[in-house]
N, C-alpha and C. Protein backbone atom coordinates (compact mmCIF):
# COMPACT_ATOMS: atom_id res chain seq x y z
N MET A 1 107.74 124.39 90.77
CA MET A 1 107.99 124.10 89.39
C MET A 1 109.46 123.38 89.83
N LEU A 2 108.89 121.93 89.13
CA LEU A 2 109.77 120.19 89.34
C LEU A 2 110.42 120.52 87.94
N ALA A 3 111.32 119.27 87.57
CA ALA A 3 112.27 118.70 86.57
C ALA A 3 113.01 117.68 87.16
N LEU A 4 112.87 116.70 86.24
CA LEU A 4 112.70 115.40 86.55
C LEU A 4 113.78 114.43 85.04
N ARG A 5 114.77 114.49 85.77
CA ARG A 5 115.37 113.15 84.26
C ARG A 5 114.61 112.25 84.58
N LEU A 6 113.49 111.17 83.83
CA LEU A 6 113.45 109.78 83.67
C LEU A 6 114.38 108.76 82.46
N PRO A 7 114.39 107.85 83.27
CA PRO A 7 115.60 106.65 82.49
C PRO A 7 115.00 107.07 81.07
N GLN A 8 115.28 106.66 80.50
CA GLN A 8 115.29 106.75 78.96
C GLN A 8 113.71 105.49 78.01
N GLU A 9 114.08 104.36 79.06
CA GLU A 9 112.81 103.65 78.63
C GLU A 9 111.75 104.14 79.04
N ILE A 10 111.34 105.19 80.42
CA ILE A 10 109.84 105.23 80.97
C ILE A 10 109.81 106.91 80.09
N GLU A 11 111.08 107.42 80.03
CA GLU A 11 110.66 108.66 79.27
C GLU A 11 109.76 107.78 77.44
N GLU A 12 110.33 107.22 77.22
CA GLU A 12 109.81 106.52 75.56
C GLU A 12 107.99 106.58 76.21
N ARG A 13 108.27 105.19 77.18
CA ARG A 13 106.66 104.61 77.22
C ARG A 13 105.67 106.20 77.80
N LEU A 14 106.05 107.08 78.57
CA LEU A 14 105.38 108.19 79.02
C LEU A 14 105.06 108.71 77.62
N THR A 15 105.98 108.90 76.61
CA THR A 15 105.34 110.04 75.58
C THR A 15 104.78 109.17 74.16
N ALA A 16 104.80 107.80 74.36
CA ALA A 16 103.86 106.89 73.31
C ALA A 16 102.68 106.57 74.12
N LEU A 17 102.56 106.97 75.43
CA LEU A 17 101.14 107.35 76.41
C LEU A 17 100.54 108.18 75.97
N ALA A 18 100.96 109.69 75.67
CA ALA A 18 100.55 110.48 75.84
C ALA A 18 100.41 111.34 74.24
N LYS A 19 101.70 110.51 73.50
CA LYS A 19 100.74 110.78 72.11
C LYS A 19 99.65 110.01 71.44
N LYS A 20 99.42 108.21 72.31
CA LYS A 20 98.69 107.55 71.81
C LYS A 20 97.22 108.24 72.16
N THR A 21 96.70 108.73 73.62
CA THR A 21 95.85 109.26 74.57
C THR A 21 95.50 110.84 74.15
N GLY A 22 96.48 111.48 73.33
CA GLY A 22 96.43 112.85 73.01
C GLY A 22 96.50 114.10 74.80
N ARG A 23 96.39 113.48 75.24
CA ARG A 23 97.15 114.06 76.59
C ARG A 23 98.74 114.61 76.45
N THR A 24 98.74 115.46 77.81
CA THR A 24 100.30 115.41 77.85
C THR A 24 101.30 114.68 78.41
N LYS A 25 102.51 114.77 78.45
CA LYS A 25 103.19 113.90 79.50
C LYS A 25 103.36 114.81 81.01
N THR A 26 103.14 115.98 80.94
CA THR A 26 103.39 117.01 82.25
C THR A 26 101.78 116.09 83.21
N PHE A 27 100.45 116.24 82.31
CA PHE A 27 99.47 115.48 82.31
C PHE A 27 99.41 114.02 82.99
N TYR A 28 100.64 113.16 82.76
CA TYR A 28 100.10 111.89 83.13
C TYR A 28 101.04 111.84 84.19
N ALA A 29 102.42 112.35 84.71
CA ALA A 29 103.71 112.80 85.26
C ALA A 29 102.67 113.22 86.41
N THR A 30 101.79 114.19 86.56
CA THR A 30 101.52 114.89 87.69
C THR A 30 100.08 114.08 87.79
N GLN A 31 99.65 113.17 87.78
CA GLN A 31 98.74 112.39 87.70
C GLN A 31 99.49 110.98 88.99
N ALA A 32 100.06 110.46 88.35
CA ALA A 32 101.01 109.37 88.82
C ALA A 32 101.28 109.87 90.43
N ILE A 33 102.10 111.09 90.39
CA ILE A 33 102.60 111.70 91.73
C ILE A 33 101.29 112.02 92.31
N LEU A 34 100.40 112.47 92.22
CA LEU A 34 99.58 112.68 93.18
C LEU A 34 98.69 111.36 93.21
N GLU A 35 98.29 110.10 93.17
CA GLU A 35 98.54 109.47 93.77
C GLU A 35 99.22 108.62 94.13
N LYS A 36 100.69 108.77 94.13
CA LYS A 36 101.84 107.92 95.19
C LYS A 36 101.75 109.02 96.68
N ILE A 37 101.38 110.46 96.04
CA ILE A 37 101.28 111.32 97.07
C ILE A 37 100.52 110.75 98.18
N GLU A 38 99.22 110.14 97.75
CA GLU A 38 97.89 110.11 97.84
C GLU A 38 98.35 108.79 98.95
N ASP A 39 98.71 107.77 98.43
CA ASP A 39 99.46 106.83 99.02
C ASP A 39 99.78 106.68 100.61
N LEU A 40 101.39 107.58 100.12
CA LEU A 40 102.41 107.72 101.12
C LEU A 40 101.08 108.81 102.20
N GLU A 41 100.15 109.67 102.04
CA GLU A 41 99.63 109.87 103.32
C GLU A 41 98.80 109.02 103.82
N ASP A 42 98.11 108.36 103.22
CA ASP A 42 97.65 107.30 103.86
C ASP A 42 98.16 106.40 104.97
N TYR A 43 99.35 106.28 104.04
CA TYR A 43 100.18 104.91 104.79
C TYR A 43 101.26 105.92 106.07
N TYR A 44 101.63 107.17 105.93
CA TYR A 44 101.78 107.74 107.35
C TYR A 44 100.78 107.77 108.22
N ALA A 45 99.65 108.31 108.24
CA ALA A 45 98.65 108.52 108.21
C ALA A 45 98.24 106.70 109.56
N GLY A 46 98.36 105.80 108.52
CA GLY A 46 97.95 104.80 109.28
C GLY A 46 99.07 104.40 110.57
N GLU A 47 100.47 105.10 110.00
CA GLU A 47 101.50 104.57 111.08
C GLU A 47 101.43 105.28 111.98
N ALA A 48 101.30 106.46 112.27
CA ALA A 48 101.44 107.80 113.11
C ALA A 48 99.89 106.88 114.00
N ALA A 49 98.84 106.54 113.77
CA ALA A 49 97.96 106.20 114.23
C ALA A 49 98.16 104.68 115.16
N TYR A 50 98.92 103.49 114.84
CA TYR A 50 99.16 102.88 114.57
C TYR A 50 100.20 102.69 116.25
N ARG A 51 101.28 103.64 116.26
CA ARG A 51 102.45 104.42 117.06
C ARG A 51 101.70 105.00 118.25
N GLU A 52 100.62 105.90 117.93
CA GLU A 52 99.29 106.29 119.35
C GLU A 52 98.85 105.01 119.84
N TYR A 53 98.43 104.88 118.98
CA TYR A 53 97.66 103.05 119.55
C TYR A 53 98.18 102.47 120.58
N VAL A 54 100.00 101.96 120.14
CA VAL A 54 100.74 101.00 120.72
C VAL A 54 101.64 101.74 121.71
N ALA A 55 101.26 102.88 121.69
CA ALA A 55 102.49 104.16 122.85
C ALA A 55 101.17 103.92 124.23
N GLU A 56 100.11 104.21 123.87
CA GLU A 56 98.61 103.92 125.07
C GLU A 56 99.04 102.59 125.52
N GLY A 57 99.80 101.63 125.19
CA GLY A 57 99.35 100.38 126.00
C GLY A 57 98.94 99.42 125.03
N ARG A 58 98.36 99.60 124.21
CA ARG A 58 97.14 98.63 123.45
C ARG A 58 97.78 98.05 122.37
N ASN A 59 97.42 96.65 122.39
CA ASN A 59 97.65 96.45 121.24
C ASN A 59 96.87 95.39 120.00
N SER A 60 95.64 95.43 121.39
CA SER A 60 94.54 95.14 119.88
C SER A 60 93.12 95.43 120.15
N ARG A 61 92.20 95.22 119.56
CA ARG A 61 90.52 95.62 119.94
C ARG A 61 90.10 94.89 119.29
N PRO A 62 88.73 94.67 119.55
CA PRO A 62 88.17 94.33 119.40
C PRO A 62 87.52 94.45 118.44
N ILE A 63 87.04 93.81 116.74
CA ILE A 63 86.46 94.44 115.79
C ILE A 63 85.21 95.26 116.05
N ASP A 64 84.50 95.13 116.35
CA ASP A 64 83.36 95.98 116.65
C ASP A 64 83.81 97.18 117.26
N GLU A 65 84.69 97.16 117.66
CA GLU A 65 85.38 98.66 118.43
C GLU A 65 85.58 99.14 116.67
N VAL A 66 86.78 98.44 116.04
CA VAL A 66 87.37 98.83 114.88
C VAL A 66 86.10 98.94 113.50
N TRP A 67 84.99 98.36 113.83
CA TRP A 67 83.79 98.61 113.06
C TRP A 67 83.14 100.22 113.37
N LYS A 68 82.69 100.34 114.79
CA LYS A 68 82.05 101.48 115.22
C LYS A 68 83.23 102.57 114.89
N ASP A 69 84.62 102.79 114.97
CA ASP A 69 85.23 103.89 114.90
C ASP A 69 85.22 104.60 113.59
N LEU A 70 85.20 103.04 112.52
CA LEU A 70 85.14 103.47 110.90
C LEU A 70 83.94 103.92 111.09
N GLY A 71 82.75 103.91 111.61
CA GLY A 71 81.29 104.11 110.75
C GLY A 71 80.84 102.79 110.44
N LEU A 72 81.24 101.87 110.76
CA LEU A 72 80.23 100.39 110.18
C LEU A 72 79.51 100.03 110.81
N ASP A 73 79.16 100.67 111.92
CA ASP A 73 78.64 100.02 113.09
C ASP A 73 76.98 100.09 112.61
N SER A 74 76.47 99.40 111.87
CA SER A 74 74.95 99.58 111.59
C SER A 74 74.01 98.64 112.16
């Protein structure tokens, strides 16, 4: 369970959106948190991969190697 206080302006915007769309404020708050969590998880995974890469003493890679690692080498 999570309880949070929002600034009045945000609370009013969230309430208006919920009324306009027939969804709950909880629905929109949950969606917003999920999106942000996914963004942060991606950011920190990328940051960790970069730190590992730099720790190996490398600081650049050929683009064809990047494409291969991403599965884009067709």
